[in-house]
Amino acid sequence: MTTREEFHKLIDTIEDDEVLQAYYQLISGLNAGKNGQVWNSLSEEEQEEVLASYEESLDKHNLIDHSLVAEEHAKWLKK
């Protein structure tokens, strides 16, 4: 099964429209980013900060477990 087919299958299993909308917005944003629209809208300083953050994220010691972040921000994550 190709990635495209797997992706279509995944989409077909999502019943929550809010979740589906969130995925759509994420993918649309990534697609726009692929075309350079988002990157080109950043200042040179912002681009450097993004690149520095990316480099820092490659070191696992700089990362925070998702469950800890979710716990700390639970009041903002509730619907």
Protein backbone atom coordinates (compact mmCIF):
# COMPACT_ATOMS: atom_id res chain seq x y z
CA MET A 1 0.00 0.00 0.00
CA THR A 2 1.40 3.40 -0.93
CA THR A 3 1.70 6.28 1.50
CA ARG A 4 -1.08 8.08 -0.35
CA GLU A 5 -3.38 5.07 0.02
CA GLU A 6 -2.52 4.70 3.69
CA PHE A 7 -3.20 8.39 4.23
CA HIS A 8 -6.59 8.15 2.54
CA LYS A 9 -7.42 5.11 4.67
CA LEU A 10 -6.47 7.00 7.83
CA ILE A 11 -8.62 9.98 6.85
CA ASP A 12 -11.57 7.68 6.21
CA THR A 13 -11.31 6.31 9.78
CA ILE A 14 -11.49 9.72 11.47
CA GLU A 15 -15.06 10.40 12.56
CA ASP A 16 -14.49 13.56 14.63
CA ASP A 17 -14.86 16.57 12.32
CA GLU A 18 -12.84 18.79 14.67
CA VAL A 19 -9.91 16.38 14.55
CA LEU A 20 -10.21 16.12 10.79
CA GLN A 21 -10.27 19.92 10.48
CA ALA A 22 -7.17 20.19 12.68
CA TYR A 23 -5.31 17.70 10.47
CA TYR A 24 -6.43 19.57 7.38
CA GLN A 25 -5.13 22.87 8.75
CA LEU A 26 -1.83 21.26 9.74
CA ILE A 27 -1.28 19.68 6.35
CA SER A 28 -2.36 22.83 4.52
CA GLY A 29 0.15 24.82 6.55
CA LEU A 30 2.90 22.33 5.89
CA ASN A 31 2.09 22.39 2.19
CA ALA A 32 2.23 26.18 2.14
CA GLY A 33 5.53 25.96 4.00
CA LYS A 34 6.85 23.57 1.40
CA ASN A 35 6.30 26.25 -1.20
CA GLY A 36 8.34 28.66 0.91
CA GLN A 37 5.51 31.09 1.67
CA VAL A 38 5.84 30.85 5.43
CA TRP A 39 9.64 30.78 5.42
CA ASN A 40 9.89 33.76 3.10
CA SER A 41 7.54 35.77 5.31
CA LEU A 42 10.00 35.50 8.23
CA SER A 43 12.71 38.05 8.92
CA GLU A 44 16.32 36.90 8.79
CA GLU A 45 16.43 36.90 12.59
CA GLU A 46 13.28 34.75 12.77
CA GLN A 47 14.70 32.32 10.21
CA GLU A 48 17.92 32.00 12.23
CA GLU A 49 15.88 31.34 15.40
CA VAL A 50 13.88 28.61 13.64
CA LEU A 51 17.08 26.96 12.40
CA ALA A 52 18.68 27.20 15.87
CA SER A 53 15.56 25.68 17.46
CA TYR A 54 15.62 22.86 14.95
CA GLU A 55 19.26 22.11 15.70
CA GLU A 56 18.53 22.11 19.44
CA SER A 57 15.62 19.71 18.91
CA LEU A 58 17.98 17.10 17.47
CA ASP A 59 19.42 16.59 20.97
CA LYS A 60 16.92 14.42 22.87
CA HIS A 61 18.02 16.02 26.15
CA ASN A 62 16.43 19.29 25.00
CA LEU A 63 13.01 17.71 24.44
CA ILE A 64 10.11 17.53 26.90
CA ASP A 65 7.80 14.53 26.92
CA HIS A 66 4.39 15.29 25.40
CA SER A 67 2.53 13.97 28.44
CA LEU A 68 4.38 16.43 30.72
CA VAL A 69 3.56 19.37 28.48
CA ALA A 70 -0.08 18.27 28.22
CA GLU A 71 -0.29 17.96 32.01
CA GLU A 72 1.22 21.40 32.57
CA HIS A 73 -1.11 23.02 30.03
CA ALA A 74 -4.22 20.93 30.65
CA LYS A 75 -6.42 23.94 31.43
CA TRP A 76 -5.74 25.34 27.94
CA LEU A 77 -6.05 22.01 26.16
CA LYS A 78 -9.58 21.22 27.35
CA LYS A 79 -12.44 21.79 24.92
